[in-house]
Amino acid sequence: MGIVELLQARELAAGDTLVSASGGSYEVTKVSRVGRGIRVQYLTEAGRAGRFTAAPESVIRARRAPGAHAA
């Protein structure tokens, strides 16, 4: 399952899982810089693709991909 952390958008990486306040989860497939923002592409639990753009300092709830981030 993993621990849900509060992260800044700039800390996201492909393989992380976004967690909504209502309990939904969204797998991050790609993260890229767009101007001063961060474009996050994801897949829903049903397999539908989506994306959003956030400020790099914005705070999100996520579970880290196992082994993807060094401590």
N, C-alpha and C. Protein backbone atom coordinates (compact mmCIF):
# COMPACT_ATOMS: atom_id res chain seq x y z
N MET A 1 0.83 -1.17 0.00
CA MET A 1 0.00 0.00 0.00
C MET A 1 0.87 1.23 0.00
N GLY A 2 1.74 1.42 0.96
CA GLY A 2 2.65 2.56 1.00
C GLY A 2 2.13 3.69 1.86
N ILE A 3 3.05 4.53 2.27
CA ILE A 3 2.73 5.68 3.11
C ILE A 3 2.38 6.85 2.22
N VAL A 4 1.30 7.54 2.54
CA VAL A 4 0.89 8.74 1.80
C VAL A 4 1.68 9.92 2.36
N GLU A 5 2.37 10.64 1.47
CA GLU A 5 3.18 11.78 1.86
C GLU A 5 2.63 13.05 1.22
N LEU A 6 2.92 14.18 1.83
CA LEU A 6 2.66 15.47 1.21
C LEU A 6 3.95 15.88 0.52
N LEU A 7 3.88 16.12 -0.78
CA LEU A 7 5.05 16.47 -1.58
C LEU A 7 4.79 17.72 -2.39
N GLN A 8 5.86 18.38 -2.79
CA GLN A 8 5.71 19.46 -3.76
C GLN A 8 5.66 18.81 -5.14
N ALA A 9 4.95 19.43 -6.07
CA ALA A 9 4.78 18.87 -7.41
C ALA A 9 6.12 18.59 -8.08
N ARG A 10 7.12 19.43 -7.84
CA ARG A 10 8.44 19.22 -8.46
C ARG A 10 9.12 17.93 -8.00
N GLU A 11 8.65 17.31 -6.90
CA GLU A 11 9.23 16.09 -6.37
C GLU A 11 8.63 14.83 -6.98
N LEU A 12 7.55 14.96 -7.75
CA LEU A 12 6.90 13.80 -8.36
C LEU A 12 7.78 13.15 -9.41
N ALA A 13 7.59 11.85 -9.58
CA ALA A 13 8.29 11.11 -10.63
C ALA A 13 7.33 10.06 -11.19
N ALA A 14 7.59 9.62 -12.41
CA ALA A 14 6.78 8.56 -13.01
C ALA A 14 6.82 7.34 -12.09
N GLY A 15 5.66 6.72 -11.90
CA GLY A 15 5.56 5.56 -11.02
C GLY A 15 4.97 5.90 -9.67
N ASP A 16 5.01 7.18 -9.26
CA ASP A 16 4.37 7.60 -8.02
C ASP A 16 2.86 7.50 -8.20
N THR A 17 2.14 7.46 -7.10
CA THR A 17 0.68 7.38 -7.13
C THR A 17 0.09 8.59 -6.41
N LEU A 18 -0.71 9.38 -7.13
CA LEU A 18 -1.42 10.49 -6.52
C LEU A 18 -2.60 9.93 -5.74
N VAL A 19 -2.90 10.51 -4.58
CA VAL A 19 -3.99 10.02 -3.75
C VAL A 19 -4.93 11.19 -3.48
N SER A 20 -6.21 11.03 -3.85
CA SER A 20 -7.18 12.10 -3.62
C SER A 20 -7.71 12.02 -2.18
N ALA A 21 -8.32 13.10 -1.72
CA ALA A 21 -8.88 13.14 -0.38
C ALA A 21 -10.01 12.13 -0.21
N SER A 22 -10.68 11.78 -1.31
CA SER A 22 -11.78 10.81 -1.24
C SER A 22 -11.30 9.36 -1.36
N GLY A 23 -9.98 9.16 -1.50
CA GLY A 23 -9.43 7.81 -1.53
C GLY A 23 -9.08 7.28 -2.91
N GLY A 24 -9.40 8.02 -3.96
CA GLY A 24 -9.03 7.58 -5.31
C GLY A 24 -7.52 7.64 -5.51
N SER A 25 -7.02 6.85 -6.45
CA SER A 25 -5.58 6.87 -6.73
C SER A 25 -5.34 6.96 -8.23
N TYR A 26 -4.24 7.63 -8.58
CA TYR A 26 -3.91 7.92 -9.97
C TYR A 26 -2.42 7.70 -10.17
N GLU A 27 -2.06 6.80 -11.07
CA GLU A 27 -0.64 6.50 -11.31
C GLU A 27 -0.02 7.54 -12.22
N VAL A 28 1.06 8.15 -11.77
CA VAL A 28 1.78 9.15 -12.56
C VAL A 28 2.56 8.43 -13.65
N THR A 29 2.34 8.82 -14.91
CA THR A 29 3.04 8.19 -16.03
C THR A 29 4.17 9.05 -16.59
N LYS A 30 4.02 10.39 -16.44
CA LYS A 30 5.05 11.29 -16.97
C LYS A 30 4.98 12.62 -16.24
N VAL A 31 6.14 13.21 -15.96
CA VAL A 31 6.22 14.52 -15.34
C VAL A 31 7.18 15.36 -16.18
N SER A 32 6.75 16.57 -16.56
CA SER A 32 7.62 17.42 -17.37
C SER A 32 7.42 18.88 -16.98
N ARG A 33 8.44 19.69 -17.25
CA ARG A 33 8.37 21.13 -17.01
C ARG A 33 7.65 21.80 -18.17
N VAL A 34 6.75 22.73 -17.85
CA VAL A 34 6.04 23.50 -18.87
C VAL A 34 6.10 24.95 -18.40
N GLY A 35 6.97 25.74 -19.01
CA GLY A 35 7.15 27.10 -18.54
C GLY A 35 7.64 27.06 -17.10
N ARG A 36 6.91 27.74 -16.21
CA ARG A 36 7.26 27.72 -14.79
C ARG A 36 6.53 26.62 -14.04
N GLY A 37 5.66 25.85 -14.71
CA GLY A 37 4.84 24.84 -14.06
C GLY A 37 5.34 23.42 -14.27
N ILE A 38 4.60 22.50 -13.72
CA ILE A 38 4.88 21.06 -13.84
C ILE A 38 3.65 20.42 -14.48
N ARG A 39 3.83 19.72 -15.61
CA ARG A 39 2.74 18.99 -16.25
C ARG A 39 2.83 17.54 -15.77
N VAL A 40 1.75 17.05 -15.21
CA VAL A 40 1.68 15.69 -14.69
C VAL A 40 0.67 14.91 -15.51
N GLN A 41 1.10 13.81 -16.11
CA GLN A 41 0.20 12.92 -16.84
C GLN A 41 0.00 11.68 -15.97
N TYR A 42 -1.23 11.17 -15.96
CA TYR A 42 -1.56 10.05 -15.07
C TYR A 42 -2.59 9.13 -15.69
N LEU A 43 -2.75 7.96 -15.06
CA LEU A 43 -3.80 7.00 -15.41
C LEU A 43 -4.69 6.80 -14.19
N THR A 44 -6.02 6.78 -14.44
CA THR A 44 -6.95 6.52 -13.34
C THR A 44 -6.97 5.03 -13.05
N GLU A 45 -7.66 4.66 -11.98
CA GLU A 45 -7.80 3.24 -11.64
C GLU A 45 -8.50 2.47 -12.76
N ALA A 46 -9.36 3.16 -13.53
CA ALA A 46 -10.09 2.54 -14.63
C ALA A 46 -9.26 2.52 -15.93
N GLY A 47 -8.04 3.08 -15.90
CA GLY A 47 -7.19 3.06 -17.08
C GLY A 47 -7.33 4.26 -18.00
N ARG A 48 -8.10 5.27 -17.59
CA ARG A 48 -8.26 6.46 -18.42
C ARG A 48 -7.11 7.43 -18.17
N ALA A 49 -6.64 8.06 -19.23
CA ALA A 49 -5.53 9.00 -19.12
C ALA A 49 -6.04 10.39 -18.77
N GLY A 50 -5.23 11.14 -18.07
CA GLY A 50 -5.55 12.52 -17.72
C GLY A 50 -4.27 13.28 -17.49
N ARG A 51 -4.40 14.60 -17.33
CA ARG A 51 -3.23 15.42 -17.04
C ARG A 51 -3.66 16.69 -16.35
N PHE A 52 -2.72 17.29 -15.65
CA PHE A 52 -2.94 18.61 -15.05
C PHE A 52 -1.61 19.33 -14.97
N THR A 53 -1.70 20.64 -14.84
CA THR A 53 -0.51 21.46 -14.68
C THR A 53 -0.58 22.13 -13.32
N ALA A 54 0.54 22.11 -12.59
CA ALA A 54 0.57 22.67 -11.24
C ALA A 54 1.81 23.54 -11.07
N ALA A 55 1.74 24.43 -10.11
CA ALA A 55 2.92 25.21 -9.75
C ALA A 55 3.92 24.26 -9.08
N PRO A 56 5.22 24.46 -9.30
CA PRO A 56 6.23 23.56 -8.70
C PRO A 56 6.14 23.48 -7.18
N GLU A 57 5.68 24.56 -6.53
CA GLU A 57 5.60 24.59 -5.07
C GLU A 57 4.28 24.03 -4.53
N SER A 58 3.34 23.70 -5.40
CA SER A 58 2.04 23.21 -4.93
C SER A 58 2.23 21.89 -4.18
N VAL A 59 1.37 21.67 -3.20
CA VAL A 59 1.46 20.48 -2.35
C VAL A 59 0.43 19.46 -2.81
N ILE A 60 0.88 18.22 -2.93
CA ILE A 60 0.01 17.12 -3.36
C ILE A 60 0.18 15.93 -2.42
N ARG A 61 -0.79 15.05 -2.43
CA ARG A 61 -0.71 13.80 -1.64
C ARG A 61 -0.31 12.69 -2.59
N ALA A 62 0.74 11.93 -2.21
CA ALA A 62 1.22 10.87 -3.10
C ALA A 62 1.86 9.74 -2.32
N ARG A 63 1.87 8.57 -2.93
CA ARG A 63 2.65 7.43 -2.45
C ARG A 63 3.82 7.30 -3.40
N ARG A 64 5.01 7.17 -2.86
CA ARG A 64 6.23 7.06 -3.66
C ARG A 64 6.34 5.68 -4.28
N ALA A 65 6.87 5.62 -5.50
CA ALA A 65 7.15 4.34 -6.14
C ALA A 65 8.27 3.64 -5.37
N PRO A 66 8.15 2.34 -5.12
CA PRO A 66 9.19 1.64 -4.36
C PRO A 66 10.54 1.71 -5.07
N GLY A 67 11.55 2.14 -4.33
CA GLY A 67 12.91 2.17 -4.85
C GLY A 67 13.20 3.25 -5.88
N ALA A 68 12.22 4.09 -6.19
CA ALA A 68 12.42 5.11 -7.22
C ALA A 68 13.12 6.34 -6.69
N HIS A 69 13.12 6.55 -5.38
CA HIS A 69 13.69 7.75 -4.81
C HIS A 69 14.71 7.38 -3.73
N ALA A 70 15.89 7.92 -3.83
CA ALA A 70 16.91 7.68 -2.82
C ALA A 70 16.66 8.58 -1.61
N ALA A 71 16.96 8.05 -0.44
CA ALA A 71 16.76 8.85 0.78
C ALA A 71 18.02 9.62 1.12
